[in-house]
Every structure is written in structure tokens, then in C-alpha cells.
Amino acid sequence: MELMKYVEKYNYLKIEMEKSGTMYGLSDPRTIKYSQELDLLLNKVMKIRYLGIKGRKKQPV
């Protein structure tokens, strides 16, 4: 499954970001780097997971 290959990287980035935020603060470049990498990874996952939604039209209510 394509989503499962991102789980390990997600867990790693999340832990590193939390450690960096605790040690250096939220505005430190190291913490920001982990946060940006995590955001990019989550965007990839959401595109994979909801790929079919892009082409759908809204149903009239």
C-alpha cells in the first residue's frame, strides 16, 4: 500500500520536530525545517488518499 511507506517517515519527522521544538524553541530553523518537511509529506499523503475527489462534481442539494 502506497500510504504505508510514508508512515515511518511521518513518525520520524514528528518525533524530531517535537524534540527540536522542546530543545530549541518553535522559531528555531531546525524546528522549522522539520515542520516544513512534515507539511510536505502530509500534502503528498492527502493527495494520494483523496485523489478521486479532485474530479468529482458537487451534487445539488
N, C-alpha and C. Protein backbone atom coordinates (compact mmCIF):
# COMPACT_ATOMS: atom_id res chain seq x y z
N MET A 1 0.84 -1.17 0.00
CA MET A 1 0.00 0.00 0.00
C MET A 1 0.89 1.24 0.00
N GLU A 2 0.53 2.18 -0.85
CA GLU A 2 1.39 3.36 -1.02
C GLU A 2 1.42 4.25 0.23
N LEU A 3 0.33 4.32 0.94
CA LEU A 3 0.28 5.16 2.14
C LEU A 3 1.21 4.65 3.24
N MET A 4 1.36 3.34 3.32
CA MET A 4 2.15 2.75 4.41
C MET A 4 3.63 3.10 4.32
N LYS A 5 4.13 3.37 3.13
CA LYS A 5 5.55 3.68 3.02
C LYS A 5 5.89 5.05 3.62
N TYR A 6 4.88 5.88 3.82
CA TYR A 6 5.10 7.20 4.41
C TYR A 6 4.98 7.20 5.94
N VAL A 7 4.45 6.15 6.52
CA VAL A 7 4.21 6.12 7.96
C VAL A 7 5.52 6.24 8.75
N GLU A 8 6.54 5.51 8.35
CA GLU A 8 7.81 5.54 9.07
C GLU A 8 8.44 6.93 9.00
N LYS A 9 8.42 7.53 7.82
CA LYS A 9 8.98 8.88 7.67
C LYS A 9 8.17 9.89 8.48
N TYR A 10 6.85 9.75 8.48
CA TYR A 10 5.98 10.64 9.26
C TYR A 10 6.33 10.56 10.75
N ASN A 11 6.43 9.35 11.26
CA ASN A 11 6.75 9.16 12.69
C ASN A 11 8.11 9.76 13.04
N TYR A 12 9.09 9.55 12.17
CA TYR A 12 10.42 10.11 12.40
C TYR A 12 10.38 11.64 12.45
N LEU A 13 9.75 12.24 11.44
CA LEU A 13 9.70 13.70 11.39
C LEU A 13 8.93 14.29 12.56
N LYS A 14 7.86 13.64 12.95
CA LYS A 14 7.05 14.12 14.07
C LYS A 14 7.86 14.12 15.36
N ILE A 15 8.56 13.03 15.63
CA ILE A 15 9.37 12.92 16.84
C ILE A 15 10.50 13.95 16.83
N GLU A 16 11.19 14.07 15.69
CA GLU A 16 12.29 15.02 15.60
C GLU A 16 11.81 16.46 15.76
N MET A 17 10.65 16.78 15.19
CA MET A 17 10.11 18.12 15.31
C MET A 17 9.75 18.43 16.76
N GLU A 18 9.14 17.47 17.45
CA GLU A 18 8.79 17.66 18.86
C GLU A 18 10.04 17.84 19.73
N LYS A 19 11.06 17.02 19.48
CA LYS A 19 12.31 17.15 20.24
C LYS A 19 12.97 18.50 19.98
N SER A 20 13.02 18.89 18.72
CA SER A 20 13.64 20.15 18.35
C SER A 20 12.88 21.34 18.93
N GLY A 21 11.56 21.27 18.91
CA GLY A 21 10.75 22.34 19.48
C GLY A 21 10.96 22.48 20.98
N THR A 22 11.12 21.36 21.66
CA THR A 22 11.35 21.38 23.11
C THR A 22 12.75 21.90 23.44
N MET A 23 13.74 21.46 22.66
CA MET A 23 15.13 21.83 22.95
C MET A 23 15.48 23.25 22.51
N TYR A 24 15.02 23.63 21.32
CA TYR A 24 15.48 24.88 20.72
C TYR A 24 14.39 25.95 20.60
N GLY A 25 13.14 25.57 20.72
CA GLY A 25 12.05 26.54 20.56
C GLY A 25 11.40 26.41 19.19
N LEU A 26 10.21 26.93 19.08
CA LEU A 26 9.44 26.76 17.85
C LEU A 26 9.94 27.60 16.68
N SER A 27 10.65 28.68 16.96
CA SER A 27 11.10 29.56 15.87
C SER A 27 12.53 29.26 15.42
N ASP A 28 13.13 28.21 15.95
CA ASP A 28 14.48 27.82 15.55
C ASP A 28 14.45 27.21 14.14
N PRO A 29 15.46 27.51 13.32
CA PRO A 29 15.50 26.97 11.95
C PRO A 29 15.43 25.44 11.87
N ARG A 30 15.99 24.75 12.86
CA ARG A 30 15.94 23.28 12.85
C ARG A 30 14.51 22.79 13.02
N THR A 31 13.78 23.42 13.92
CA THR A 31 12.39 23.04 14.14
C THR A 31 11.54 23.37 12.92
N ILE A 32 11.79 24.52 12.33
CA ILE A 32 11.04 24.94 11.14
C ILE A 32 11.30 23.98 9.99
N LYS A 33 12.55 23.52 9.86
CA LYS A 33 12.90 22.57 8.78
C LYS A 33 12.09 21.28 8.92
N TYR A 34 12.03 20.74 10.15
CA TYR A 34 11.25 19.52 10.37
C TYR A 34 9.77 19.76 10.11
N SER A 35 9.29 20.91 10.52
CA SER A 35 7.88 21.24 10.32
C SER A 35 7.55 21.33 8.83
N GLN A 36 8.41 21.95 8.05
CA GLN A 36 8.19 22.06 6.61
C GLN A 36 8.23 20.70 5.93
N GLU A 37 9.17 19.85 6.33
CA GLU A 37 9.25 18.51 5.76
C GLU A 37 8.00 17.70 6.09
N LEU A 38 7.51 17.86 7.32
CA LEU A 38 6.30 17.17 7.74
C LEU A 38 5.09 17.67 6.94
N ASP A 39 5.00 18.97 6.71
CA ASP A 39 3.92 19.53 5.91
C ASP A 39 3.93 18.98 4.49
N LEU A 40 5.11 18.92 3.88
CA LEU A 40 5.22 18.39 2.52
C LEU A 40 4.80 16.92 2.46
N LEU A 41 5.22 16.16 3.45
CA LEU A 41 4.85 14.74 3.50
C LEU A 41 3.34 14.58 3.64
N LEU A 42 2.73 15.37 4.53
CA LEU A 42 1.28 15.28 4.73
C LEU A 42 0.52 15.69 3.47
N ASN A 43 1.02 16.68 2.75
CA ASN A 43 0.39 17.07 1.49
C ASN A 43 0.43 15.93 0.48
N LYS A 44 1.56 15.23 0.39
CA LYS A 44 1.67 14.08 -0.50
C LYS A 44 0.66 13.00 -0.13
N VAL A 45 0.57 12.71 1.16
CA VAL A 45 -0.33 11.66 1.63
C VAL A 45 -1.78 12.03 1.33
N MET A 46 -2.14 13.27 1.56
CA MET A 46 -3.52 13.69 1.31
C MET A 46 -3.85 13.63 -0.18
N LYS A 47 -2.90 13.96 -1.04
CA LYS A 47 -3.14 13.86 -2.49
C LYS A 47 -3.33 12.41 -2.90
N ILE A 48 -2.56 11.51 -2.32
CA ILE A 48 -2.70 10.09 -2.64
C ILE A 48 -4.04 9.57 -2.13
N ARG A 49 -4.38 9.93 -0.92
CA ARG A 49 -5.58 9.38 -0.29
C ARG A 49 -6.85 9.90 -0.94
N TYR A 50 -6.88 11.16 -1.33
CA TYR A 50 -8.10 11.77 -1.85
C TYR A 50 -7.97 12.11 -3.33
N LEU A 51 -7.27 11.31 -4.06
CA LEU A 51 -7.04 11.54 -5.47
C LEU A 51 -8.35 11.62 -6.26
N GLY A 52 -9.32 10.79 -5.92
CA GLY A 52 -10.58 10.74 -6.66
C GLY A 52 -11.49 11.92 -6.42
N ILE A 53 -11.30 12.67 -5.38
CA ILE A 53 -12.18 13.79 -5.06
C ILE A 53 -11.98 14.93 -6.03
N LYS A 54 -10.80 15.10 -6.56
CA LYS A 54 -10.47 16.21 -7.43
C LYS A 54 -11.41 16.30 -8.64
N GLY A 55 -11.74 15.18 -9.24
CA GLY A 55 -12.55 15.17 -10.45
C GLY A 55 -14.05 15.13 -10.22
N ARG A 56 -14.48 14.99 -9.01
CA ARG A 56 -15.91 14.89 -8.72
C ARG A 56 -16.59 16.25 -8.74
N LYS A 57 -17.85 16.23 -9.15
CA LYS A 57 -18.65 17.45 -9.11
C LYS A 57 -19.53 17.40 -7.88
N LYS A 58 -19.86 18.57 -7.37
CA LYS A 58 -20.75 18.63 -6.21
C LYS A 58 -22.15 18.24 -6.62
N GLN A 59 -22.80 17.48 -5.77
CA GLN A 59 -24.18 17.08 -6.01
C GLN A 59 -25.11 18.21 -5.59
N PRO A 60 -26.12 18.54 -6.40
CA PRO A 60 -27.07 19.57 -5.99
C PRO A 60 -27.86 19.12 -4.77
N VAL A 61 -28.14 20.06 -3.91
CA VAL A 61 -28.84 19.74 -2.66
C VAL A 61 -30.32 19.77 -2.85
